[in-house]
């Protein structure tokens, strides 16, 4: 039971291999044992699992020639149950068999048993064990126990496959969100801290007491549906802004929530009267200059030549009495003068 519990609690395939190697030999009292897995590329069972007291030479010979000659493997895969060489043939016939002379003779394995490892009706690998002691055969109880361990290996491998798939899907989703630039924060009931993607971390960098505001925005509501919230925040520059969140419950997580953040800052606009001396096209170019675009970027956006944009910019400088992009930006973004009382 302790061995079974340790296998089923494995958090990774590497940990499963270590626990299998540490416990199976003591449980069965055999010196040589292993489980092999189906190669995802070829679809064949290959020596890619865990093995104890098996030489590299045996693994290579068995993989290249022995597996296709092995009557124990053929019987286990055909029947879906454990197979035992001494139940298939006599001891003398085993010693004369092609698979013994090809591979098993390297370790003098007189008794060999094998059980299929299945995942949801699909072959995932094989569990096999053997001994060179001619007087220590395997009894039906051991074969039945091998079937149970093979089934447990299949269940555990399936759980690990599902876990790996979920982790890949999460990584893909986070990568997609990063490409879109969406700022996402996740509340996990099993973790003490919120998880922010890169865009979210950049968004709240300039927000005073950002952590407290985030917890308030993503806090669990009375209901369990989507929720939109907003909170007024102060930026490190002293300006005011509004932090918005749209949150929804995380699938499969009791209490977990996922929220998309937006920061709405007060941006100064260009007073219309300041653009009055300009033509419509010059106003369009001036606005793009204030937005920080270069002449070439403005030309690409307006489908005009770089030379034409340069001429527009010169005329704008002349009409507004400025001599650079910096002074133009300052002139257009300064607050309009209040009207005089008469």
Protein backbone atom coordinates (compact mmCIF):
# COMPACT_ATOMS: atom_id res chain seq x y z
CA UNK A 1 0.00 0.00 0.00
CA UNK A 2 2.83 2.41 0.81
CA UNK A 3 4.42 1.65 -2.57
CA UNK A 4 1.12 2.23 -4.39
CA UNK A 5 0.53 5.49 -2.53
CA UNK A 6 4.01 6.75 -3.37
CA UNK A 7 3.52 5.99 -7.08
CA UNK A 8 0.10 7.65 -7.29
CA UNK A 9 1.35 10.77 -5.48
CA UNK A 10 4.19 11.37 -7.98
CA UNK A 11 4.24 14.97 -9.22
CA UNK A 12 6.33 14.29 -12.34
CA UNK A 13 7.46 11.43 -14.55
CA UNK A 14 10.95 11.76 -13.07
CA UNK A 15 9.59 11.35 -9.55
CA UNK A 16 7.48 8.39 -10.69
CA UNK A 17 10.60 6.70 -12.08
CA UNK A 18 12.54 7.25 -8.85
CA UNK A 19 9.75 5.87 -6.67
CA UNK A 20 9.21 2.89 -8.95
CA UNK A 21 12.90 2.01 -8.90
CA UNK A 22 13.08 2.43 -5.13
CA UNK A 23 10.12 0.19 -4.28
CA UNK A 24 9.36 -2.39 -6.95
CA UNK A 25 12.42 -4.59 -6.35
CA UNK A 26 11.78 -4.83 -2.60
CA UNK A 27 8.11 -5.59 -3.15
CA UNK A 28 8.70 -8.45 -5.61
CA UNK A 29 12.12 -9.59 -4.48
CA UNK A 30 13.48 -9.50 -8.04
CA UNK A 31 16.82 -8.02 -9.12
CA UNK A 32 15.86 -6.86 -12.63
CA UNK A 33 12.77 -4.85 -13.42
CA UNK A 34 11.65 -1.92 -15.57
CA UNK A 35 8.77 -0.20 -17.23
CA UNK A 36 9.01 0.98 -20.83
CA UNK A 37 6.85 3.59 -22.51
CA UNK A 38 5.42 4.02 -25.98
CA UNK A 39 7.63 6.34 -28.03
CA UNK A 40 5.41 9.29 -29.11
CA UNK A 41 7.25 9.55 -32.44
CA UNK A 42 7.29 5.92 -33.58
CA UNK A 43 4.29 4.65 -31.60
CA UNK A 44 6.34 1.65 -30.48
CA UNK A 45 7.18 0.56 -26.96
CA UNK A 46 10.83 1.44 -26.37
CA UNK A 47 13.33 1.50 -23.52
CA UNK A 48 12.56 5.06 -22.46
CA UNK A 49 11.16 4.43 -18.97
CA UNK A 50 12.84 3.30 -15.74
CA UNK A 51 15.07 0.24 -15.40
CA UNK A 52 17.03 -1.40 -12.58
CA UNK A 53 20.07 -3.67 -13.01
CA UNK A 54 19.68 -3.75 -16.78
CA UNK A 55 22.85 -3.17 -18.82
CA UNK A 56 23.02 -0.78 -21.76
CA UNK A 57 24.05 -3.68 -23.98
CA UNK A 58 20.88 -5.58 -23.04
CA UNK A 59 18.69 -2.51 -23.66
CA UNK A 60 20.23 -1.94 -27.10
CA UNK A 61 20.00 -5.59 -28.18
CA UNK A 62 16.48 -6.01 -26.86
CA UNK A 63 15.31 -2.80 -28.49
CA UNK A 64 16.89 -3.51 -31.88
CA UNK A 65 16.09 -7.21 -32.22
CA UNK A 66 14.73 -8.85 -29.09
CA UNK A 67 11.38 -7.11 -28.58
CA UNK A 68 9.91 -8.36 -31.86
CA UNK A 69 11.09 -11.89 -31.00
CA UNK A 70 9.77 -11.89 -27.44
CA UNK A 71 6.81 -14.31 -26.96
CA UNK A 72 6.18 -12.87 -23.46
CA UNK A 73 5.65 -9.39 -24.89
CA UNK A 74 3.47 -10.75 -27.68
CA UNK A 75 1.25 -12.64 -25.22
CA UNK A 76 0.93 -9.70 -22.80
CA UNK A 77 -0.06 -7.29 -25.57
CA UNK A 78 -2.44 -9.75 -27.23
CA UNK A 79 -4.22 -10.77 -24.01
CA UNK A 80 -4.03 -7.49 -22.14
CA UNK A 81 -2.93 -9.44 -19.07
CA UNK A 82 0.41 -10.35 -17.45
CA UNK A 83 2.39 -13.02 -19.30
CA UNK A 84 5.03 -15.38 -17.86
CA UNK A 85 7.63 -17.17 -19.95
CA UNK A 86 7.43 -20.42 -17.93
CA UNK A 87 3.67 -20.50 -18.57
CA UNK A 88 4.28 -20.32 -22.32
CA UNK A 89 7.09 -22.86 -22.69
CA UNK A 90 9.43 -25.15 -20.81
CA UNK A 91 12.69 -23.98 -19.28
CA UNK A 92 14.64 -25.76 -22.02
CA UNK A 93 12.56 -24.15 -24.78
CA UNK A 94 13.16 -20.72 -23.21
CA UNK A 95 16.92 -21.18 -23.23
CA UNK A 96 16.75 -22.10 -26.92
CA UNK A 97 14.39 -19.27 -27.88
CA UNK A 98 15.66 -16.53 -30.23
CA UNK A 99 14.89 -13.75 -27.72
CA UNK A 100 16.90 -15.45 -25.00
CA UNK A 101 19.90 -15.98 -27.25
CA UNK A 102 19.62 -12.40 -28.57
CA UNK A 103 19.24 -10.46 -25.31
CA UNK A 104 18.10 -12.25 -22.16
CA UNK A 105 21.21 -14.45 -22.00
CA UNK A 106 23.27 -11.35 -21.16
CA UNK A 107 21.70 -11.43 -17.68
CA UNK A 108 20.83 -15.12 -17.63
CA UNK A 109 17.13 -14.34 -17.09
CA UNK A 110 15.41 -17.68 -16.55
CA UNK A 111 12.10 -16.27 -15.34
CA UNK A 112 10.55 -13.25 -17.15
CA UNK A 113 7.10 -11.70 -16.69
CA UNK A 114 5.48 -8.74 -18.41
CA UNK A 115 2.25 -6.75 -18.02
CA UNK A 116 0.79 -4.09 -20.35
CA UNK A 117 0.45 -0.53 -19.03
CA UNK A 118 -2.74 1.03 -20.39
CA UNK A 119 -4.10 4.58 -20.40
CA UNK A 120 -7.80 4.68 -21.11
CA UNK A 121 -7.71 1.65 -23.41
CA UNK A 122 -4.55 2.87 -25.12
CA UNK A 123 -1.23 1.05 -24.74
CA UNK A 124 1.17 3.34 -22.85
CA UNK A 125 4.00 0.88 -22.17
CA UNK A 126 4.92 -2.35 -20.48
CA UNK A 127 6.00 -3.45 -17.00
CA UNK A 128 8.48 -6.31 -16.93
CA UNK A 129 10.64 -8.07 -14.37
CA UNK A 130 12.87 -11.09 -14.21
CA UNK A 131 15.39 -13.17 -12.29
CA UNK A 132 18.35 -15.35 -13.14
CA UNK A 133 17.59 -17.71 -10.24
CA UNK A 134 16.24 -20.84 -11.91
CA UNK A 135 14.58 -21.97 -8.68
CA UNK A 136 12.63 -18.74 -8.02
CA UNK A 137 9.67 -18.65 -10.36
CA UNK A 138 6.64 -16.38 -10.20
CA UNK A 139 3.36 -17.48 -8.65
CA UNK A 140 -0.14 -16.36 -9.75
CA UNK A 141 -0.38 -13.91 -6.84
CA UNK A 142 2.70 -12.06 -8.04
CA UNK A 143 1.33 -11.85 -11.57
CA UNK A 144 -1.97 -10.50 -10.24
CA UNK A 145 -0.09 -7.90 -8.21
CA UNK A 146 1.96 -6.95 -11.28
CA UNK A 147 -1.32 -6.33 -13.14
CA UNK A 148 -2.48 -3.98 -10.38
CA UNK A 149 0.81 -2.06 -10.38
CA UNK A 150 0.71 -1.79 -14.17
CA UNK A 151 -2.82 -0.37 -13.89
CA UNK A 152 -1.65 2.11 -11.24
CA UNK A 153 1.24 3.17 -13.47
CA UNK A 154 -1.27 3.80 -16.26
CA UNK A 155 -3.53 5.93 -14.04
CA UNK A 156 -0.57 7.93 -12.73
CA UNK A 157 0.91 8.46 -16.20
CA UNK A 158 -2.48 9.65 -17.45
CA UNK A 159 -2.73 12.16 -14.61
CA UNK A 160 0.78 13.42 -15.38
CA UNK A 161 -0.08 13.70 -19.10
CA UNK A 162 -3.16 15.76 -18.22
CA UNK A 163 -1.11 17.94 -15.89
CA UNK A 164 1.52 18.54 -18.58
CA UNK A 165 -1.18 19.35 -21.13
CA UNK A 166 -2.81 21.88 -18.81
CA UNK A 167 0.56 23.52 -18.13
CA UNK A 168 1.23 23.77 -21.87
CA UNK A 169 -2.21 25.26 -22.49
CA UNK A 170 -1.61 27.78 -19.70
CA UNK A 171 1.77 28.74 -21.16
CA UNK A 172 0.23 29.11 -24.61
CA UNK A 173 -2.58 31.27 -23.24
CA UNK A 174 -0.14 33.48 -21.34
CA UNK A 175 2.02 33.83 -24.45
CA UNK A 176 -1.05 34.79 -26.51
CA UNK A 177 -2.08 37.36 -23.91
CA UNK A 178 1.41 38.83 -23.96
CA UNK A 179 1.20 39.23 -27.72
CA UNK A 180 -2.14 41.03 -27.47
CA UNK A 181 -0.79 43.33 -24.76
CA UNK A 182 -3.70 42.56 -22.43
CA UNK A 183 -2.90 43.15 -18.75
CA UNK A 184 -4.12 40.10 -16.82
CA UNK A 185 -4.13 39.36 -13.10
CA UNK A 186 -5.09 35.97 -11.64
CA UNK A 187 -6.25 35.24 -8.11
CA UNK A 188 -5.47 31.67 -7.05
CA UNK A 189 -7.13 30.45 -3.82
CA UNK A 190 -4.16 28.11 -3.27
CA UNK A 191 -1.55 30.89 -3.50
CA UNK A 192 -0.96 33.85 -1.24
CA UNK A 193 -0.11 36.33 -4.00
CA UNK A 194 -1.81 37.51 -7.15
CA UNK A 195 -0.21 36.41 -10.41
CA UNK A 196 0.35 39.19 -12.95
CA UNK A 197 1.56 38.83 -16.51
CA UNK A 198 4.23 41.19 -17.86
CA UNK A 199 1.68 43.64 -19.28
CA UNK A 200 -0.10 43.89 -15.92
CA UNK A 201 3.16 44.44 -14.05
CA UNK A 202 4.08 47.25 -16.44
CA UNK A 203 0.62 48.79 -16.14
CA UNK A 204 0.68 49.09 -12.32
CA UNK A 205 4.33 50.15 -12.02
CA UNK A 206 3.39 53.81 -11.65
CA UNK A 207 0.29 53.25 -9.47
CA UNK A 208 0.62 54.19 -5.79
CA UNK A 209 -0.41 51.30 -3.46
CA UNK A 210 -1.04 49.12 -6.53
CA UNK A 211 -1.23 45.87 -4.55
CA UNK A 212 -4.09 47.08 -2.34
CA UNK A 213 -6.01 48.39 -5.35
CA UNK A 214 -5.59 45.09 -7.21
CA UNK A 215 -6.89 43.04 -4.30
CA UNK A 216 -9.90 45.35 -4.03
CA UNK A 217 -10.65 45.03 -7.74
CA UNK A 218 -10.40 41.25 -7.90
CA UNK A 219 -12.01 40.47 -4.52
CA UNK A 220 -14.71 37.81 -4.62
CA UNK A 221 -18.19 39.35 -5.05
CA UNK A 222 -21.44 38.18 -3.47
CA UNK A 223 -22.39 36.41 -6.70
CA UNK A 224 -20.25 34.24 -8.92
CA UNK A 225 -20.55 35.84 -12.35
CA UNK A 226 -18.47 38.32 -14.34
CA UNK A 227 -17.79 41.60 -12.57
CA UNK A 228 -16.60 45.05 -13.68
CA UNK A 229 -15.06 47.38 -11.11
CA UNK A 230 -13.20 50.67 -11.14
CA UNK A 231 -11.15 52.52 -8.56
CA UNK A 232 -9.56 55.97 -8.59
CA UNK A 233 -5.81 55.76 -8.08
CA UNK A 234 -2.88 58.10 -7.72
CA UNK A 235 0.16 57.81 -9.93
CA UNK A 236 3.72 58.32 -8.72
CA UNK A 237 3.74 61.51 -10.81
CA UNK A 238 0.97 62.93 -8.62
CA UNK A 239 -1.64 62.67 -11.36
CA UNK A 240 -4.99 60.96 -10.91
CA UNK A 241 -6.16 57.98 -12.94
CA UNK A 242 -8.82 55.31 -12.93
CA UNK A 243 -7.95 51.59 -12.79
CA UNK A 244 -10.62 49.38 -14.40
CA UNK A 245 -10.99 45.61 -14.12
CA UNK A 246 -13.25 43.07 -15.78
CA UNK A 247 -13.13 39.85 -13.77
CA UNK A 248 -14.64 36.41 -14.21
CA UNK A 249 -14.42 33.19 -12.14
CA UNK A 250 -11.54 30.90 -13.07
CA UNK A 251 -12.76 27.63 -14.58
CA UNK A 252 -12.38 24.74 -12.17
CA UNK A 253 -11.08 26.91 -9.31
CA UNK A 254 -13.40 27.55 -6.37
CA UNK A 255 -12.77 31.18 -5.51
CA UNK A 256 -10.21 31.83 -8.26
CA UNK A 257 -10.73 34.85 -10.50
CA UNK A 258 -9.16 36.19 -13.70
CA UNK A 259 -9.27 39.91 -14.46
CA UNK A 260 -8.23 42.15 -17.35
CA UNK A 261 -6.94 45.56 -16.29
CA UNK A 262 -7.01 48.96 -17.97
CA UNK A 263 -5.55 52.21 -16.67
CA UNK A 264 -7.34 55.37 -17.76
CA UNK A 265 -5.14 58.43 -17.34
CA UNK A 266 -6.12 62.04 -17.87
CA UNK A 267 -4.38 63.02 -21.10
CA UNK A 268 -4.26 66.65 -22.19
CA UNK A 269 -5.86 67.28 -25.52
CA UNK A 270 -5.13 69.84 -28.22
CA UNK A 271 -7.34 72.89 -27.95
CA UNK A 272 -9.14 73.38 -31.30
CA UNK A 273 -8.36 77.12 -31.41
CA UNK A 274 -4.64 76.39 -31.46
CA UNK A 275 -5.06 74.50 -34.74
CA UNK A 276 -7.18 77.23 -36.36
CA UNK A 277 -4.34 78.69 -38.50
CA UNK A 278 -3.70 75.30 -40.13
CA UNK A 279 -5.35 73.57 -43.07
CA UNK A 280 -7.15 70.25 -42.40
CA UNK A 281 -4.17 68.24 -43.68
CA UNK A 282 -1.74 70.35 -41.63
CA UNK A 283 -3.88 69.77 -38.53
CA UNK A 284 -3.72 66.03 -39.17
CA UNK A 285 0.07 66.12 -39.53
CA UNK A 286 0.48 68.35 -36.44
CA UNK A 287 -1.60 65.94 -34.35
CA UNK A 288 0.56 63.01 -35.41
CA UNK A 289 3.72 64.97 -34.60
CA UNK A 290 2.36 65.57 -31.10
CA UNK A 291 1.67 61.81 -30.84
CA UNK A 292 5.41 61.26 -31.30
CA UNK A 293 5.51 59.95 -34.89
CA UNK A 294 8.47 60.69 -37.14
CA UNK A 295 8.06 62.22 -40.61
CA UNK A 296 8.56 58.80 -42.19
CA UNK A 297 5.99 57.17 -39.88
CA UNK A 298 3.49 59.95 -40.66
CA UNK A 299 4.14 59.49 -44.38
CA UNK A 300 3.44 55.77 -44.11
CA UNK A 301 0.26 56.33 -42.13
CA UNK A 302 -1.12 59.00 -44.50
CA UNK A 303 0.15 57.30 -47.67
CA UNK A 304 2.18 60.36 -48.62
CA UNK A 305 5.84 60.79 -49.46
CA UNK A 306 8.43 61.61 -46.81
CA UNK A 307 9.27 64.83 -48.70
CA UNK A 308 5.63 65.96 -48.66
CA UNK A 309 5.37 65.46 -44.90
CA UNK A 310 8.58 67.43 -44.36
CA UNK A 311 7.07 70.35 -46.27
CA UNK A 312 3.90 70.16 -44.19
CA UNK A 313 5.92 70.21 -40.98
CA UNK A 314 7.88 73.30 -42.12
CA UNK A 315 4.64 75.15 -42.92
CA UNK A 316 3.21 74.19 -39.51
CA UNK A 317 6.35 75.53 -37.78
CA UNK A 318 6.05 78.78 -39.69
CA UNK A 319 2.33 79.30 -39.07
CA UNK A 320 2.54 78.48 -35.34
CA UNK A 321 5.89 80.26 -34.83
CA UNK A 322 7.78 77.27 -33.49
CA UNK A 323 11.12 75.82 -34.53
CA UNK A 324 11.08 72.15 -33.40
CA UNK A 325 8.88 69.17 -32.64
CA UNK A 326 9.38 69.76 -28.92
CA UNK A 327 8.23 73.40 -29.03
CA UNK A 328 5.34 72.40 -31.31
CA UNK A 329 4.20 69.77 -28.82
CA UNK A 330 4.48 72.20 -25.91
CA UNK A 331 2.56 74.88 -27.80
CA UNK A 332 -0.30 72.57 -28.76
CA UNK A 333 -0.64 70.80 -25.41
CA UNK A 334 -0.51 73.87 -23.16
CA UNK A 335 -3.83 74.69 -21.48
CA UNK A 336 -5.79 77.38 -23.32
CA UNK A 337 -5.68 80.84 -21.77
CA UNK A 338 -8.87 81.77 -19.88
CA UNK A 339 -11.13 84.28 -21.61
CA UNK A 340 -10.80 87.84 -20.37
CA UNK A 341 -13.76 89.48 -18.71
CA UNK A 342 -14.93 92.69 -20.33
